Amino acid sequence: MLAECDWKEQPTQIRARLEKLASRPSVDPWVLFGARDMRLRTAAFLEACGRHYRDVGATLAVLDTDSDCYPVVCLRAARAGELTALAGPAGIAVRILGA
């Protein structure tokens, strides 16, 4: 459900982490990625991932823990509001990627 990505990881490393998530979408979002996407820096690549995952009905979100890494959660798009509602009282900000 959660992949932790360092702020300076390469897109191929991030992709490998996201592909290992049991909560990944059943429809492959990686067919929507182009060579240009794979040359983006970490933050921009994560935003592109969020857009492409949204295109297949999934949501990628970062749990803001005030650190130099990106804890990324993957879930069905219909459940994104639940994540935000649950994280708020715990003091964790949620940023939906590609929104």
N, C-alpha and C. Protein backbone atom coordinates (compact mmCIF):
# COMPACT_ATOMS: atom_id res chain seq x y z
N MET A 1 0.81 -1.19 0.00
CA MET A 1 0.00 0.00 0.00
C MET A 1 0.85 1.26 0.00
N LEU A 2 2.08 1.19 0.49
CA LEU A 2 2.91 2.38 0.60
C LEU A 2 4.29 2.11 0.02
N ALA A 3 4.76 3.05 -0.79
CA ALA A 3 6.12 2.98 -1.33
C ALA A 3 6.85 4.25 -0.89
N GLU A 4 8.02 4.08 -0.35
CA GLU A 4 8.78 5.25 0.08
C GLU A 4 9.83 5.56 -0.98
N CYS A 5 9.77 6.78 -1.50
CA CYS A 5 10.68 7.21 -2.56
C CYS A 5 11.53 8.36 -2.05
N ASP A 6 12.81 8.26 -2.29
CA ASP A 6 13.74 9.32 -1.91
C ASP A 6 13.58 10.50 -2.86
N TRP A 7 13.86 11.71 -2.41
CA TRP A 7 13.66 12.91 -3.21
C TRP A 7 14.52 12.95 -4.46
N LYS A 8 15.55 12.11 -4.52
CA LYS A 8 16.42 12.14 -5.70
C LYS A 8 16.44 10.82 -6.47
N GLU A 9 15.43 9.98 -6.27
CA GLU A 9 15.38 8.71 -6.98
C GLU A 9 15.07 8.90 -8.46
N GLN A 10 15.57 7.97 -9.24
CA GLN A 10 15.33 7.97 -10.68
C GLN A 10 13.94 7.40 -10.97
N PRO A 11 13.32 7.83 -12.07
CA PRO A 11 12.00 7.30 -12.43
C PRO A 11 11.93 5.78 -12.48
N THR A 12 12.98 5.13 -12.96
CA THR A 12 12.94 3.66 -13.04
C THR A 12 12.87 3.03 -11.64
N GLN A 13 13.53 3.66 -10.67
CA GLN A 13 13.47 3.15 -9.30
C GLN A 13 12.08 3.36 -8.70
N ILE A 14 11.50 4.51 -8.97
CA ILE A 14 10.15 4.80 -8.47
C ILE A 14 9.15 3.84 -9.10
N ARG A 15 9.28 3.64 -10.40
CA ARG A 15 8.37 2.71 -11.08
C ARG A 15 8.45 1.32 -10.45
N ALA A 16 9.66 0.85 -10.19
CA ALA A 16 9.83 -0.47 -9.58
C ALA A 16 9.14 -0.55 -8.22
N ARG A 17 9.23 0.49 -7.44
CA ARG A 17 8.58 0.51 -6.13
C ARG A 17 7.05 0.49 -6.28
N LEU A 18 6.54 1.32 -7.20
CA LEU A 18 5.10 1.39 -7.38
C LEU A 18 4.53 0.09 -7.94
N GLU A 19 5.28 -0.57 -8.80
CA GLU A 19 4.81 -1.82 -9.39
C GLU A 19 4.73 -2.95 -8.36
N LYS A 20 5.44 -2.85 -7.25
CA LYS A 20 5.43 -3.87 -6.21
C LYS A 20 4.24 -3.73 -5.25
N LEU A 21 3.53 -2.61 -5.31
CA LEU A 21 2.43 -2.39 -4.38
C LEU A 21 1.26 -3.34 -4.67
N ALA A 22 0.77 -3.98 -3.65
CA ALA A 22 -0.38 -4.86 -3.81
C ALA A 22 -1.62 -4.06 -4.20
N SER A 23 -1.65 -2.77 -3.86
CA SER A 23 -2.80 -1.92 -4.16
C SER A 23 -2.72 -1.27 -5.54
N ARG A 24 -1.73 -1.65 -6.34
CA ARG A 24 -1.59 -1.05 -7.67
C ARG A 24 -2.86 -1.35 -8.49
N PRO A 25 -3.15 -0.50 -9.48
CA PRO A 25 -4.36 -0.72 -10.29
C PRO A 25 -4.24 -1.98 -11.15
N SER A 26 -5.37 -2.60 -11.42
CA SER A 26 -5.36 -3.80 -12.26
C SER A 26 -5.10 -3.46 -13.72
N VAL A 27 -5.44 -2.24 -14.13
CA VAL A 27 -5.14 -1.76 -15.47
C VAL A 27 -3.76 -1.11 -15.43
N ASP A 28 -2.90 -1.48 -16.32
CA ASP A 28 -1.51 -1.00 -16.31
C ASP A 28 -1.40 0.46 -16.73
N PRO A 29 -1.06 1.37 -15.79
CA PRO A 29 -0.92 2.77 -16.16
C PRO A 29 0.37 3.06 -16.92
N TRP A 30 1.32 2.13 -16.89
CA TRP A 30 2.63 2.40 -17.50
C TRP A 30 2.59 2.45 -19.02
N VAL A 31 1.53 1.95 -19.63
CA VAL A 31 1.42 2.08 -21.08
C VAL A 31 1.17 3.53 -21.48
N LEU A 32 0.77 4.37 -20.53
CA LEU A 32 0.50 5.78 -20.80
C LEU A 32 1.74 6.66 -20.70
N PHE A 33 2.83 6.10 -20.21
CA PHE A 33 4.06 6.86 -20.02
C PHE A 33 4.87 6.89 -21.30
N GLY A 34 5.47 8.03 -21.55
CA GLY A 34 6.35 8.17 -22.69
C GLY A 34 7.79 8.33 -22.24
N ALA A 35 8.70 8.34 -23.17
CA ALA A 35 10.12 8.49 -22.86
C ALA A 35 10.39 9.80 -22.13
N ARG A 36 9.63 10.83 -22.49
CA ARG A 36 9.81 12.14 -21.85
C ARG A 36 9.49 12.07 -20.35
N ASP A 37 8.42 11.34 -20.00
CA ASP A 37 8.07 11.17 -18.58
C ASP A 37 9.23 10.55 -17.80
N MET A 38 9.92 9.61 -18.41
CA MET A 38 10.96 8.86 -17.72
C MET A 38 12.25 9.67 -17.53
N ARG A 39 12.28 10.90 -18.04
CA ARG A 39 13.44 11.78 -17.85
C ARG A 39 13.17 12.87 -16.83
N LEU A 40 11.99 12.89 -16.24
CA LEU A 40 11.62 13.93 -15.28
C LEU A 40 12.34 13.73 -13.95
N ARG A 41 12.49 14.83 -13.22
CA ARG A 41 13.02 14.74 -11.86
C ARG A 41 11.96 14.15 -10.95
N THR A 42 12.35 13.76 -9.77
CA THR A 42 11.49 13.01 -8.86
C THR A 42 10.11 13.63 -8.65
N ALA A 43 10.05 14.88 -8.21
CA ALA A 43 8.75 15.50 -7.91
C ALA A 43 7.87 15.57 -9.15
N ALA A 44 8.44 15.97 -10.28
CA ALA A 44 7.67 16.06 -11.53
C ALA A 44 7.24 14.67 -12.00
N PHE A 45 8.11 13.68 -11.82
CA PHE A 45 7.76 12.32 -12.21
C PHE A 45 6.60 11.79 -11.37
N LEU A 46 6.63 12.06 -10.08
CA LEU A 46 5.53 11.62 -9.21
C LEU A 46 4.21 12.26 -9.63
N GLU A 47 4.25 13.53 -10.03
CA GLU A 47 3.02 14.20 -10.51
C GLU A 47 2.52 13.53 -11.79
N ALA A 48 3.45 13.19 -12.69
CA ALA A 48 3.06 12.49 -13.92
C ALA A 48 2.47 11.12 -13.59
N CYS A 49 3.06 10.43 -12.63
CA CYS A 49 2.51 9.14 -12.19
C CYS A 49 1.09 9.33 -11.69
N GLY A 50 0.88 10.38 -10.89
CA GLY A 50 -0.46 10.65 -10.37
C GLY A 50 -1.48 10.85 -11.47
N ARG A 51 -1.09 11.58 -12.52
CA ARG A 51 -2.00 11.82 -13.65
C ARG A 51 -2.32 10.51 -14.38
N HIS A 52 -1.30 9.72 -14.65
CA HIS A 52 -1.51 8.47 -15.38
C HIS A 52 -2.27 7.44 -14.55
N TYR A 53 -1.99 7.37 -13.29
CA TYR A 53 -2.74 6.46 -12.42
C TYR A 53 -4.20 6.90 -12.35
N ARG A 54 -4.45 8.19 -12.27
CA ARG A 54 -5.82 8.70 -12.25
C ARG A 54 -6.56 8.30 -13.52
N ASP A 55 -5.84 8.28 -14.65
CA ASP A 55 -6.46 7.90 -15.92
C ASP A 55 -6.97 6.46 -15.92
N VAL A 56 -6.46 5.62 -15.02
CA VAL A 56 -6.92 4.23 -14.94
C VAL A 56 -7.72 3.96 -13.66
N GLY A 57 -8.16 5.03 -13.01
CA GLY A 57 -9.05 4.89 -11.85
C GLY A 57 -8.38 4.73 -10.51
N ALA A 58 -7.11 5.05 -10.43
CA ALA A 58 -6.38 4.94 -9.17
C ALA A 58 -5.92 6.32 -8.71
N THR A 59 -5.52 6.40 -7.47
CA THR A 59 -4.98 7.64 -6.92
C THR A 59 -3.63 7.35 -6.29
N LEU A 60 -2.69 8.23 -6.55
CA LEU A 60 -1.42 8.22 -5.83
C LEU A 60 -1.41 9.46 -4.95
N ALA A 61 -1.03 9.29 -3.70
CA ALA A 61 -0.98 10.41 -2.78
C ALA A 61 0.29 10.32 -1.96
N VAL A 62 0.82 11.50 -1.61
CA VAL A 62 1.99 11.58 -0.74
C VAL A 62 1.51 11.94 0.66
N LEU A 63 2.00 11.21 1.64
CA LEU A 63 1.73 11.54 3.04
C LEU A 63 2.85 12.47 3.48
N ASP A 64 2.51 13.70 3.79
CA ASP A 64 3.52 14.71 4.13
C ASP A 64 3.99 14.51 5.56
N THR A 65 5.20 14.01 5.70
CA THR A 65 5.77 13.74 7.02
C THR A 65 6.93 14.69 7.34
N ASP A 66 7.04 15.77 6.59
CA ASP A 66 8.13 16.74 6.80
C ASP A 66 9.51 16.10 6.73
N SER A 67 9.70 15.19 5.79
CA SER A 67 11.01 14.58 5.62
C SER A 67 11.44 14.75 4.17
N ASP A 68 12.61 14.25 3.85
CA ASP A 68 13.13 14.40 2.49
C ASP A 68 12.77 13.20 1.62
N CYS A 69 11.79 12.43 2.03
CA CYS A 69 11.33 11.33 1.20
C CYS A 69 9.84 11.50 0.92
N TYR A 70 9.36 10.73 -0.01
CA TYR A 70 7.96 10.77 -0.40
C TYR A 70 7.31 9.42 -0.07
N PRO A 71 6.56 9.33 1.06
CA PRO A 71 5.78 8.13 1.29
C PRO A 71 4.55 8.18 0.37
N VAL A 72 4.52 7.31 -0.63
CA VAL A 72 3.47 7.34 -1.65
C VAL A 72 2.50 6.19 -1.42
N VAL A 73 1.21 6.54 -1.39
CA VAL A 73 0.15 5.57 -1.19
C VAL A 73 -0.61 5.43 -2.50
N CYS A 74 -0.98 4.20 -2.84
CA CYS A 74 -1.79 3.92 -4.02
C CYS A 74 -3.11 3.32 -3.56
N LEU A 75 -4.21 3.86 -4.05
CA LEU A 75 -5.53 3.35 -3.71
C LEU A 75 -6.51 3.67 -4.82
N ARG A 76 -7.68 3.06 -4.77
CA ARG A 76 -8.71 3.37 -5.76
C ARG A 76 -9.08 4.84 -5.64
N ALA A 77 -9.31 5.48 -6.75
CA ALA A 77 -9.63 6.91 -6.77
C ALA A 77 -10.84 7.23 -5.90
N ALA A 78 -11.82 6.35 -5.87
CA ALA A 78 -13.03 6.58 -5.09
C ALA A 78 -12.76 6.66 -3.58
N ARG A 79 -11.59 6.21 -3.15
CA ARG A 79 -11.28 6.19 -1.71
C ARG A 79 -10.33 7.30 -1.28
N ALA A 80 -9.97 8.19 -2.17
CA ALA A 80 -9.02 9.26 -1.84
C ALA A 80 -9.54 10.15 -0.72
N GLY A 81 -10.82 10.44 -0.72
CA GLY A 81 -11.40 11.27 0.34
C GLY A 81 -11.29 10.62 1.70
N GLU A 82 -11.43 9.31 1.75
CA GLU A 82 -11.29 8.59 3.01
C GLU A 82 -9.88 8.72 3.56
N LEU A 83 -8.89 8.62 2.69
CA LEU A 83 -7.50 8.74 3.11
C LEU A 83 -7.26 10.11 3.74
N THR A 84 -7.73 11.15 3.08
CA THR A 84 -7.56 12.51 3.59
C THR A 84 -8.26 12.67 4.93
N ALA A 85 -9.47 12.15 5.05
CA ALA A 85 -10.23 12.27 6.29
C ALA A 85 -9.56 11.53 7.45
N LEU A 86 -8.97 10.38 7.18
CA LEU A 86 -8.32 9.61 8.23
C LEU A 86 -6.96 10.19 8.62
N ALA A 87 -6.24 10.73 7.67
CA ALA A 87 -4.91 11.25 7.94
C ALA A 87 -4.95 12.58 8.69
N GLY A 88 -5.96 13.42 8.40
CA GLY A 88 -6.06 14.74 9.02
C GLY A 88 -6.01 14.72 10.54
N PRO A 89 -6.86 13.97 11.21
CA PRO A 89 -6.83 13.94 12.68
C PRO A 89 -5.51 13.41 13.25
N ALA A 90 -4.78 12.64 12.46
CA ALA A 90 -3.48 12.12 12.90
C ALA A 90 -2.37 13.14 12.69
N GLY A 91 -2.73 14.31 12.11
CA GLY A 91 -1.74 15.35 11.87
C GLY A 91 -0.90 15.13 10.62
N ILE A 92 -1.39 14.29 9.72
CA ILE A 92 -0.65 14.00 8.49
C ILE A 92 -1.38 14.65 7.32
N ALA A 93 -0.67 15.48 6.62
CA ALA A 93 -1.25 16.11 5.42
C ALA A 93 -1.12 15.15 4.24
N VAL A 94 -2.14 15.14 3.40
CA VAL A 94 -2.15 14.28 2.22
C VAL A 94 -2.16 15.17 0.99
N ARG A 95 -1.27 14.87 0.05
CA ARG A 95 -1.25 15.59 -1.22
C ARG A 95 -1.51 14.59 -2.33
N ILE A 96 -2.62 14.79 -3.02
CA ILE A 96 -2.96 13.92 -4.15
C ILE A 96 -2.08 14.30 -5.33
N LEU A 97 -1.40 13.32 -5.89
CA LEU A 97 -0.50 13.57 -7.02
C LEU A 97 -1.25 13.65 -8.33
N GLY A 98 -0.84 14.56 -9.17
CA GLY A 98 -1.43 14.70 -10.49
C GLY A 98 -2.80 15.34 -10.52
N ALA A 99 -3.19 15.92 -9.41
CA ALA A 99 -4.54 16.54 -9.33
C ALA A 99 -4.58 17.87 -10.06
